[in-house]
Amino acid sequence: MTSVYICVCVCVCRVLHLLEKERHTIFKNLLHMADVSHPGKLWHLHHEWTVRITEEFHRQGDTELEMGLPISPLCDRTSTNLPNSQICKISFILFY
């Protein structure tokens, strides 16, 4: 799916002859859409990727804990609630 977004972006950039800043914004937005698109996939795929990204976040939190650093939001495996974390991730990604 990501390649489709990039192909569309390349076509749009060529047709409209956009300035470099506008091209960068389009690529950034298309990459962002590809990054957050997994909730729109079939349930089993969405769930698999949710588990994967949550484990990645938890490993980051484990490393931060070992280094004596404060644990980043959504990275504490002892207190993260998976359903609530998904709402927080989606809200943060879409609105910030």
PDB file of N, CA and C in Angstrom:
ATOM      1  N   MET A   1       0.816  -1.193   0.000  1.00  0.00           N
ATOM      2  CA  MET A   1       0.000   0.000   0.000  1.00  0.00           C
ATOM      3  C   MET A   1       0.861   1.260   0.000  1.00  0.00           C
ATOM      4  N   THR A   2       1.986   1.238   0.711  1.00  0.00           N
ATOM      5  CA  THR A   2       2.851   2.404   0.780  1.00  0.00           C
ATOM      6  C   THR A   2       3.336   2.805  -0.608  1.00  0.00           C
ATOM      7  N   SER A   3       3.689   1.830  -1.428  1.00  0.00           N
ATOM      8  CA  SER A   3       4.190   2.146  -2.771  1.00  0.00           C
ATOM      9  C   SER A   3       3.133   2.860  -3.604  1.00  0.00           C
ATOM     10  N   VAL A   4       1.872   2.543  -3.374  1.00  0.00           N
ATOM     11  CA  VAL A   4       0.788   3.229  -4.096  1.00  0.00           C
ATOM     12  C   VAL A   4       0.772   4.704  -3.716  1.00  0.00           C
ATOM     13  N   TYR A   5       0.887   4.988  -2.414  1.00  0.00           N
ATOM     14  CA  TYR A   5       0.896   6.382  -1.966  1.00  0.00           C
ATOM     15  C   TYR A   5       2.075   7.142  -2.557  1.00  0.00           C
ATOM     16  N   ILE A   6       3.245   6.515  -2.588  1.00  0.00           N
ATOM     17  CA  ILE A   6       4.430   7.179  -3.114  1.00  0.00           C
ATOM     18  C   ILE A   6       4.285   7.408  -4.611  1.00  0.00           C
ATOM     19  N   CYS A   7       3.747   6.436  -5.336  1.00  0.00           N
ATOM     20  CA  CYS A   7       3.526   6.604  -6.782  1.00  0.00           C
ATOM     21  C   CYS A   7       2.565   7.758  -7.045  1.00  0.00           C
ATOM     22  N   VAL A   8       1.516   7.836  -6.280  1.00  0.00           N
ATOM     23  CA  VAL A   8       0.553   8.935  -6.430  1.00  0.00           C
ATOM     24  C   VAL A   8       1.249  10.263  -6.177  1.00  0.00           C
ATOM     25  N   CYS A   9       2.068  10.292  -5.134  1.00  0.00           N
ATOM     26  CA  CYS A   9       2.771  11.529  -4.789  1.00  0.00           C
ATOM     27  C   CYS A   9       3.706  11.952  -5.921  1.00  0.00           C
ATOM     28  N   VAL A  10       4.449  11.005  -6.470  1.00  0.00           N
ATOM     29  CA  VAL A  10       5.370  11.315  -7.563  1.00  0.00           C
ATOM     30  C   VAL A  10       4.603  11.872  -8.758  1.00  0.00           C
ATOM     31  N   CYS A  11       3.484  11.256  -9.079  1.00  0.00           N
ATOM     32  CA  CYS A  11       2.660  11.731 -10.203  1.00  0.00           C
ATOM     33  C   CYS A  11       2.145  13.139  -9.948  1.00  0.00           C
ATOM     34  N   VAL A  12       1.661  13.375  -8.746  1.00  0.00           N
ATOM     35  CA  VAL A  12       1.138  14.704  -8.402  1.00  0.00           C
ATOM     36  C   VAL A  12       2.246  15.743  -8.508  1.00  0.00           C
ATOM     37  N   CYS A  13       3.429  15.408  -7.992  1.00  0.00           N
ATOM     38  CA  CYS A  13       4.546  16.349  -8.034  1.00  0.00           C
ATOM     39  C   CYS A  13       4.946  16.675  -9.472  1.00  0.00           C
ATOM     40  N   ARG A  14       4.962  15.666 -10.333  1.00  0.00           N
ATOM     41  CA  ARG A  14       5.343  15.884 -11.734  1.00  0.00           C
ATOM     42  C   ARG A  14       4.302  16.715 -12.466  1.00  0.00           C
ATOM     43  N   VAL A  15       3.055  16.408 -12.250  1.00  0.00           N
ATOM     44  CA  VAL A  15       1.997  17.102 -12.977  1.00  0.00           C
ATOM     45  C   VAL A  15       1.893  18.568 -12.548  1.00  0.00           C
ATOM     46  N   LEU A  16       1.971  18.805 -11.289  1.00  0.00           N
ATOM     47  CA  LEU A  16       1.762  20.164 -10.783  1.00  0.00           C
ATOM     48  C   LEU A  16       3.046  20.983 -10.689  1.00  0.00           C
ATOM     49  N   HIS A  17       4.206  20.356 -10.895  1.00  0.00           N
ATOM     50  CA  HIS A  17       5.500  21.044 -10.805  1.00  0.00           C
ATOM     51  C   HIS A  17       5.600  21.850  -9.502  1.00  0.00           C
ATOM     52  N   LEU A  18       5.416  21.144  -8.409  1.00  0.00           N
ATOM     53  CA  LEU A  18       5.380  21.803  -7.114  1.00  0.00           C
ATOM     54  C   LEU A  18       6.760  22.228  -6.649  1.00  0.00           C
ATOM     55  N   LEU A  19       6.776  23.221  -5.797  1.00  0.00           N
ATOM     56  CA  LEU A  19       8.016  23.665  -5.191  1.00  0.00           C
ATOM     57  C   LEU A  19       8.549  22.587  -4.246  1.00  0.00           C
ATOM     58  N   GLU A  20       9.837  22.641  -3.964  1.00  0.00           N
ATOM     59  CA  GLU A  20      10.476  21.631  -3.117  1.00  0.00           C
ATOM     60  C   GLU A  20       9.778  21.517  -1.768  1.00  0.00           C
ATOM     61  N   LYS A  21       9.411  22.619  -1.157  1.00  0.00           N
ATOM     62  CA  LYS A  21       8.753  22.576   0.156  1.00  0.00           C
ATOM     63  C   LYS A  21       7.410  21.859   0.059  1.00  0.00           C
ATOM     64  N   GLU A  22       6.659  22.110  -0.981  1.00  0.00           N
ATOM     65  CA  GLU A  22       5.365  21.459  -1.140  1.00  0.00           C
ATOM     66  C   GLU A  22       5.533  19.964  -1.383  1.00  0.00           C
ATOM     67  N   ARG A  23       6.555  19.577  -2.158  1.00  0.00           N
ATOM     68  CA  ARG A  23       6.827  18.167  -2.389  1.00  0.00           C
ATOM     69  C   ARG A  23       7.134  17.457  -1.079  1.00  0.00           C
ATOM     70  N   HIS A  24       7.954  18.098  -0.272  1.00  0.00           N
ATOM     71  CA  HIS A  24       8.319  17.518   1.026  1.00  0.00           C
ATOM     72  C   HIS A  24       7.070  17.317   1.885  1.00  0.00           C
ATOM     73  N   THR A  25       6.189  18.281   1.909  1.00  0.00           N
ATOM     74  CA  THR A  25       4.958  18.181   2.694  1.00  0.00           C
ATOM     75  C   THR A  25       4.078  17.042   2.194  1.00  0.00           C
ATOM     76  N   ILE A  26       3.960  16.901   0.891  1.00  0.00           N
ATOM     77  CA  ILE A  26       3.142  15.825   0.332  1.00  0.00           C
ATOM     78  C   ILE A  26       3.738  14.472   0.700  1.00  0.00           C
ATOM     79  N   PHE A  27       5.057  14.307   0.498  1.00  0.00           N
ATOM     80  CA  PHE A  27       5.700  13.038   0.849  1.00  0.00           C
ATOM     81  C   PHE A  27       5.525  12.735   2.333  1.00  0.00           C
ATOM     82  N   LYS A  28       5.701  13.759   3.161  1.00  0.00           N
ATOM     83  CA  LYS A  28       5.557  13.578   4.609  1.00  0.00           C
ATOM     84  C   LYS A  28       4.145  13.106   4.950  1.00  0.00           C
ATOM     85  N   ASN A  29       3.142  13.723   4.347  1.00  0.00           N
ATOM     86  CA  ASN A  29       1.753  13.351   4.623  1.00  0.00           C
ATOM     87  C   ASN A  29       1.420  11.959   4.096  1.00  0.00           C
ATOM     88  N   LEU A  30       1.923  11.604   2.921  1.00  0.00           N
ATOM     89  CA  LEU A  30       1.661  10.269   2.383  1.00  0.00           C
ATOM     90  C   LEU A  30       2.340   9.195   3.223  1.00  0.00           C
ATOM     91  N   LEU A  31       3.561   9.454   3.668  1.00  0.00           N
ATOM     92  CA  LEU A  31       4.240   8.503   4.543  1.00  0.00           C
ATOM     93  C   LEU A  31       3.478   8.372   5.860  1.00  0.00           C
ATOM     94  N   HIS A  32       2.987   9.477   6.368  1.00  0.00           N
ATOM     95  CA  HIS A  32       2.192   9.478   7.601  1.00  0.00           C
ATOM     96  C   HIS A  32       0.927   8.634   7.416  1.00  0.00           C
ATOM     97  N   MET A  33       0.246   8.792   6.287  1.00  0.00           N
ATOM     98  CA  MET A  33      -0.964   7.999   6.033  1.00  0.00           C
ATOM     99  C   MET A  33      -0.637   6.516   5.972  1.00  0.00           C
ATOM    100  N   ALA A  34       0.471   6.166   5.327  1.00  0.00           N
ATOM    101  CA  ALA A  34       0.864   4.761   5.246  1.00  0.00           C
ATOM    102  C   ALA A  34       1.192   4.225   6.632  1.00  0.00           C
ATOM    103  N   ASP A  35       1.791   5.060   7.464  1.00  0.00           N
ATOM    104  CA  ASP A  35       2.199   4.642   8.804  1.00  0.00           C
ATOM    105  C   ASP A  35       1.002   4.359   9.700  1.00  0.00           C
ATOM    106  N   VAL A  36      -0.049   5.126   9.575  1.00  0.00           N
ATOM    107  CA  VAL A  36      -1.201   4.963  10.468  1.00  0.00           C
ATOM    108  C   VAL A  36      -2.343   4.172   9.829  1.00  0.00           C
ATOM    109  N   SER A  37      -2.089   3.538   8.693  1.00  0.00           N
ATOM    110  CA  SER A  37      -3.177   2.869   7.975  1.00  0.00           C
ATOM    111  C   SER A  37      -3.531   1.497   8.521  1.00  0.00           C
ATOM    112  N   HIS A  38      -2.712   0.920   9.396  1.00  0.00           N
ATOM    113  CA  HIS A  38      -2.990  -0.462   9.804  1.00  0.00           C
ATOM    114  C   HIS A  38      -4.321  -0.635  10.537  1.00  0.00           C
ATOM    115  N   PRO A  39      -4.890   0.386  11.218  1.00  0.00           N
ATOM    116  CA  PRO A  39      -6.225   0.170  11.789  1.00  0.00           C
ATOM    117  C   PRO A  39      -7.313  -0.083  10.734  1.00  0.00           C
ATOM    118  N   GLY A  40      -7.040   0.289   9.493  1.00  0.00           N
ATOM    119  CA  GLY A  40      -8.011   0.055   8.433  1.00  0.00           C
ATOM    120  C   GLY A  40      -7.875  -1.309   7.773  1.00  0.00           C
ATOM    121  N   LYS A  41      -6.929  -2.096   8.208  1.00  0.00           N
ATOM    122  CA  LYS A  41      -6.712  -3.424   7.629  1.00  0.00           C
ATOM    123  C   LYS A  41      -7.640  -4.454   8.287  1.00  0.00           C
ATOM    124  N   LEU A  42      -7.621  -5.660   7.771  1.00  0.00           N
ATOM    125  CA  LEU A  42      -8.390  -6.742   8.384  1.00  0.00           C
ATOM    126  C   LEU A  42      -7.966  -6.905   9.835  1.00  0.00           C
ATOM    127  N   TRP A  43      -8.916  -7.336  10.676  1.00  0.00           N
ATOM    128  CA  TRP A  43      -8.667  -7.399  12.113  1.00  0.00           C
ATOM    129  C   TRP A  43      -7.394  -8.164  12.469  1.00  0.00           C
ATOM    130  N   HIS A  44      -7.197  -9.356  11.899  1.00  0.00           N
ATOM    131  CA  HIS A  44      -6.036 -10.157  12.300  1.00  0.00           C
ATOM    132  C   HIS A  44      -4.724  -9.454  11.940  1.00  0.00           C
ATOM    133  N   LEU A  45      -4.680  -8.722  10.833  1.00  0.00           N
ATOM    134  CA  LEU A  45      -3.479  -7.971  10.478  1.00  0.00           C
ATOM    135  C   LEU A  45      -3.281  -6.780  11.403  1.00  0.00           C
ATOM    136  N   HIS A  46      -4.357  -6.066  11.665  1.00  0.00           N
ATOM    137  CA  HIS A  46      -4.282  -4.926  12.582  1.00  0.00           C
ATOM    138  C   HIS A  46      -3.803  -5.387  13.955  1.00  0.00           C
ATOM    139  N   HIS A  47      -4.376  -6.473  14.463  1.00  0.00           N
ATOM    140  CA  HIS A  47      -4.008  -6.968  15.792  1.00  0.00           C
ATOM    141  C   HIS A  47      -2.538  -7.390  15.817  1.00  0.00           C
ATOM    142  N   GLU A  48      -2.082  -8.071  14.788  1.00  0.00           N
ATOM    143  CA  GLU A  48      -0.682  -8.513  14.724  1.00  0.00           C
ATOM    144  C   GLU A  48       0.266  -7.315  14.788  1.00  0.00           C
ATOM    145  N   TRP A  49      -0.022  -6.283  14.018  1.00  0.00           N
ATOM    146  CA  TRP A  49       0.854  -5.110  14.010  1.00  0.00           C
ATOM    147  C   TRP A  49       0.739  -4.322  15.300  1.00  0.00           C
ATOM    148  N   THR A  50      -0.428  -4.314  15.907  1.00  0.00           N
ATOM    149  CA  THR A  50      -0.587  -3.652  17.200  1.00  0.00           C
ATOM    150  C   THR A  50       0.277  -4.330  18.254  1.00  0.00           C
ATOM    151  N   VAL A  51       0.253  -5.647  18.282  1.00  0.00           N
ATOM    152  CA  VAL A  51       1.073  -6.396  19.238  1.00  0.00           C
ATOM    153  C   VAL A  51       2.554  -6.135  18.976  1.00  0.00           C
ATOM    154  N   ARG A  52       2.948  -6.110  17.706  1.00  0.00           N
ATOM    155  CA  ARG A  52       4.350  -5.873  17.365  1.00  0.00           C
ATOM    156  C   ARG A  52       4.829  -4.490  17.815  1.00  0.00           C
ATOM    157  N   ILE A  53       4.065  -3.461  17.499  1.00  0.00           N
ATOM    158  CA  ILE A  53       4.503  -2.106  17.854  1.00  0.00           C
ATOM    159  C   ILE A  53       4.474  -1.905  19.360  1.00  0.00           C
ATOM    160  N   THR A  54       3.505  -2.523  20.026  1.00  0.00           N
ATOM    161  CA  THR A  54       3.443  -2.412  21.484  1.00  0.00           C
ATOM    162  C   THR A  54       4.660  -3.075  22.117  1.00  0.00           C
ATOM    163  N   GLU A  55       5.061  -4.225  21.601  1.00  0.00           N
ATOM    164  CA  GLU A  55       6.260  -4.892  22.122  1.00  0.00           C
ATOM    165  C   GLU A  55       7.507  -4.043  21.875  1.00  0.00           C
ATOM    166  N   GLU A  56       7.572  -3.404  20.719  1.00  0.00           N
ATOM    167  CA  GLU A  56       8.705  -2.518  20.434  1.00  0.00           C
ATOM    168  C   GLU A  56       8.744  -1.365  21.435  1.00  0.00           C
ATOM    169  N   PHE A  57       7.592  -0.775  21.711  1.00  0.00           N
ATOM    170  CA  PHE A  57       7.527   0.305  22.704  1.00  0.00           C
ATOM    171  C   PHE A  57       7.953  -0.196  24.076  1.00  0.00           C
ATOM    172  N   HIS A  58       7.482  -1.378  24.447  1.00  0.00           N
ATOM    173  CA  HIS A  58       7.827  -1.925  25.760  1.00  0.00           C
ATOM    174  C   HIS A  58       9.328  -2.195  25.872  1.00  0.00           C
ATOM    175  N   ARG A  59       9.953  -2.687  24.807  1.00  0.00           N
ATOM    176  CA  ARG A  59      11.405  -2.896  24.828  1.00  0.00           C
ATOM    177  C   ARG A  59      12.135  -1.570  25.009  1.00  0.00           C
ATOM    178  N   GLN A  60      11.618  -0.521  24.375  1.00  0.00           N
ATOM    179  CA  GLN A  60      12.211   0.805  24.554  1.00  0.00           C
ATOM    180  C   GLN A  60      12.096   1.220  26.017  1.00  0.00           C
ATOM    181  N   GLY A  61      10.926   1.008  26.616  1.00  0.00           N
ATOM    182  CA  GLY A  61      10.733   1.343  28.024  1.00  0.00           C
ATOM    183  C   GLY A  61      11.646   0.536  28.934  1.00  0.00           C
ATOM    184  N   ASP A  62      11.839  -0.743  28.614  1.00  0.00           N
ATOM    185  CA  ASP A  62      12.755  -1.581  29.396  1.00  0.00           C
ATOM    186  C   ASP A  62      14.174  -1.017  29.343  1.00  0.00           C
ATOM    187  N   THR A  63      14.598  -0.614  28.164  1.00  0.00           N
ATOM    188  CA  THR A  63      15.942  -0.038  27.994  1.00  0.00           C
ATOM    189  C   THR A  63      16.061   1.269  28.775  1.00  0.00           C
ATOM    190  N   GLU A  64      15.036   2.110  28.688  1.00  0.00           N
ATOM    191  CA  GLU A  64      15.056   3.373  29.438  1.00  0.00           C
ATOM    192  C   GLU A  64      15.152   3.102  30.931  1.00  0.00           C
ATOM    193  N   LEU A  65      14.403   2.121  31.404  1.00  0.00           N
ATOM    194  CA  LEU A  65      14.424   1.757  32.818  1.00  0.00           C
ATOM    195  C   LEU A  65      15.820   1.283  33.236  1.00  0.00           C
ATOM    196  N   GLU A  66      16.433   0.421  32.415  1.00  0.00           N
ATOM    197  CA  GLU A  66      17.782  -0.070  32.708  1.00  0.00           C
ATOM    198  C   GLU A  66      18.804   1.056  32.760  1.00  0.00           C
ATOM    199  N   MET A  67      18.592   2.087  31.940  1.00  0.00           N
ATOM    200  CA  MET A  67      19.530   3.211  31.888  1.00  0.00           C
ATOM    201  C   MET A  67      19.229   4.268  32.951  1.00  0.00           C
ATOM    202  N   GLY A  68      18.163   4.042  33.725  1.00  0.00           N
ATOM    203  CA  GLY A  68      17.796   5.001  34.759  1.00  0.00           C
ATOM    204  C   GLY A  68      17.092   6.242  34.242  1.00  0.00           C
ATOM    205  N   LEU A  69      16.577   6.149  33.025  1.00  0.00           N
ATOM    206  CA  LEU A  69      15.864   7.273  32.415  1.00  0.00           C
ATOM    207  C   LEU A  69      14.378   7.163  32.702  1.00  0.00           C
ATOM    208  N   PRO A  70      13.651   8.282  32.637  1.00  0.00           N
ATOM    209  CA  PRO A  70      12.199   8.185  32.754  1.00  0.00           C
ATOM    210  C   PRO A  70      11.639   7.397  31.566  1.00  0.00           C
ATOM    211  N   ILE A  71      10.631   6.588  31.815  1.00  0.00           N
ATOM    212  CA  ILE A  71      10.039   5.770  30.755  1.00  0.00           C
ATOM    213  C   ILE A  71       9.098   6.637  29.922  1.00  0.00           C
ATOM    214  N   SER A  72       9.290   6.562  28.621  1.00  0.00           N
ATOM    215  CA  SER A  72       8.473   7.348  27.684  1.00  0.00           C
ATOM    216  C   SER A  72       7.011   6.917  27.751  1.00  0.00           C
ATOM    217  N   PRO A  73       6.099   7.826  27.363  1.00  0.00           N
ATOM    218  CA  PRO A  73       4.679   7.470  27.339  1.00  0.00           C
ATOM    219  C   PRO A  73       4.431   6.237  26.472  1.00  0.00           C
ATOM    220  N   LEU A  74       3.560   5.369  26.928  1.00  0.00           N
ATOM    221  CA  LEU A  74       3.137   4.147  26.251  1.00  0.00           C
ATOM    222  C   LEU A  74       4.225   3.075  26.205  1.00  0.00           C
ATOM    223  N   CYS A  75       5.340   3.280  26.895  1.00  0.00           N
ATOM    224  CA  CYS A  75       6.460   2.334  26.847  1.00  0.00           C
ATOM    225  C   CYS A  75       6.627   1.536  28.134  1.00  0.00           C
ATOM    226  N   ASP A  76       5.803   1.778  29.126  1.00  0.00           N
ATOM    227  CA  ASP A  76       5.919   1.064  30.400  1.00  0.00           C
ATOM    228  C   ASP A  76       5.040  -0.183  30.357  1.00  0.00           C
ATOM    229  N   ARG A  77       5.687  -1.336  30.288  1.00  0.00           N
ATOM    230  CA  ARG A  77       4.931  -2.584  30.147  1.00  0.00           C
ATOM    231  C   ARG A  77       4.134  -2.923  31.396  1.00  0.00           C
ATOM    232  N   THR A  78       4.457  -2.313  32.541  1.00  0.00           N
ATOM    233  CA  THR A  78       3.730  -2.630  33.775  1.00  0.00           C
ATOM    234  C   THR A  78       2.439  -1.831  33.908  1.00  0.00           C
ATOM    235  N   SER A  79       2.316  -0.737  33.159  1.00  0.00           N
ATOM    236  CA  SER A  79       1.126   0.093  33.351  1.00  0.00           C
ATOM    237  C   SER A  79       0.363   0.424  32.075  1.00  0.00           C
ATOM    238  N   THR A  80       0.843  -0.014  30.928  1.00  0.00           N
ATOM    239  CA  THR A  80       0.172   0.319  29.670  1.00  0.00           C
ATOM    240  C   THR A  80      -1.041  -0.576  29.464  1.00  0.00           C
ATOM    241  N   ASN A  81      -2.181   0.050  29.220  1.00  0.00           N
ATOM    242  CA  ASN A  81      -3.417  -0.649  28.901  1.00  0.00           C
ATOM    243  C   ASN A  81      -3.542  -0.641  27.377  1.00  0.00           C
ATOM    244  N   LEU A  82      -3.499  -1.813  26.754  1.00  0.00           N
ATOM    245  CA  LEU A  82      -3.443  -1.897  25.292  1.00  0.00           C
ATOM    246  C   LEU A  82      -4.577  -1.147  24.581  1.00  0.00           C
ATOM    247  N   PRO A  83      -5.850  -1.361  24.941  1.00  0.00           N
ATOM    248  CA  PRO A  83      -6.904  -0.610  24.229  1.00  0.00           C
ATOM    249  C   PRO A  83      -6.767   0.908  24.390  1.00  0.00           C
ATOM    250  N   ASN A  84      -6.485   1.350  25.615  1.00  0.00           N
ATOM    251  CA  ASN A  84      -6.322   2.794  25.825  1.00  0.00           C
ATOM    252  C   ASN A  84      -5.091   3.327  25.117  1.00  0.00           C
ATOM    253  N   SER A  85      -4.036   2.511  25.055  1.00  0.00           N
ATOM    254  CA  SER A  85      -2.819   2.964  24.386  1.00  0.00           C
ATOM    255  C   SER A  85      -3.067   3.180  22.898  1.00  0.00           C
ATOM    256  N   GLN A  86      -3.919   2.366  22.294  1.00  0.00           N
ATOM    257  CA  GLN A  86      -4.219   2.537  20.878  1.00  0.00           C
ATOM    258  C   GLN A  86      -4.947   3.849  20.636  1.00  0.00           C
ATOM    259  N   ILE A  87      -5.867   4.183  21.509  1.00  0.00           N
ATOM    260  CA  ILE A  87      -6.577   5.459  21.390  1.00  0.00           C
ATOM    261  C   ILE A  87      -5.599   6.608  21.536  1.00  0.00           C
ATOM    262  N   CYS A  88      -4.692   6.497  22.516  1.00  0.00           N
ATOM    263  CA  CYS A  88      -3.695   7.551  22.727  1.00  0.00           C
ATOM    264  C   CYS A  88      -2.768   7.684  21.528  1.00  0.00           C
ATOM    265  N   LYS A  89      -2.286   6.552  20.988  1.00  0.00           N
ATOM    266  CA  LYS A  89      -1.381   6.595  19.837  1.00  0.00           C
ATOM    267  C   LYS A  89      -2.063   7.244  18.644  1.00  0.00           C
ATOM    268  N   ILE A  90      -3.269   6.813  18.356  1.00  0.00           N
ATOM    269  CA  ILE A  90      -3.984   7.351  17.200  1.00  0.00           C
ATOM    270  C   ILE A  90      -4.245   8.840  17.384  1.00  0.00           C
ATOM    271  N   SER A  91      -4.671   9.243  18.583  1.00  0.00           N
ATOM    272  CA  SER A  91      -4.917  10.666  18.846  1.00  0.00           C
ATOM    273  C   SER A  91      -3.635  11.471  18.711  1.00  0.00           C
ATOM    274  N   PHE A  92      -2.548  10.952  19.271  1.00  0.00           N
ATOM    275  CA  PHE A  92      -1.273  11.688  19.205  1.00  0.00           C
ATOM    276  C   PHE A  92      -0.785  11.790  17.776  1.00  0.00           C
ATOM    277  N   ILE A  93      -0.811  10.699  17.051  1.00  0.00           N
ATOM    278  CA  ILE A  93      -0.292  10.697  15.681  1.00  0.00           C
ATOM    279  C   ILE A  93      -1.142  11.588  14.776  1.00  0.00           C
ATOM    280  N   LEU A  94      -2.449  11.520  14.919  1.00  0.00           N
ATOM    281  CA  LEU A  94      -3.305  12.270  14.001  1.00  0.00           C
ATOM    282  C   LEU A  94      -3.404  13.751  14.309  1.00  0.00           C
ATOM    283  N   PHE A  95      -3.263  14.114  15.570  1.00  0.00           N
ATOM    284  CA  PHE A  95      -3.541  15.504  15.926  1.00  0.00           C
ATOM    285  C   PHE A  95      -2.317  16.299  16.348  1.00  0.00           C
ATOM    286  N   TYR A  96      -1.133  15.698  16.343  1.00  0.00           N
ATOM    287  CA  TYR A  96       0.070  16.449  16.730  1.00  0.00           C
ATOM    288  C   TYR A  96       1.126  16.362  15.683  1.00  0.00           C
TER     289      TYR A  96
END
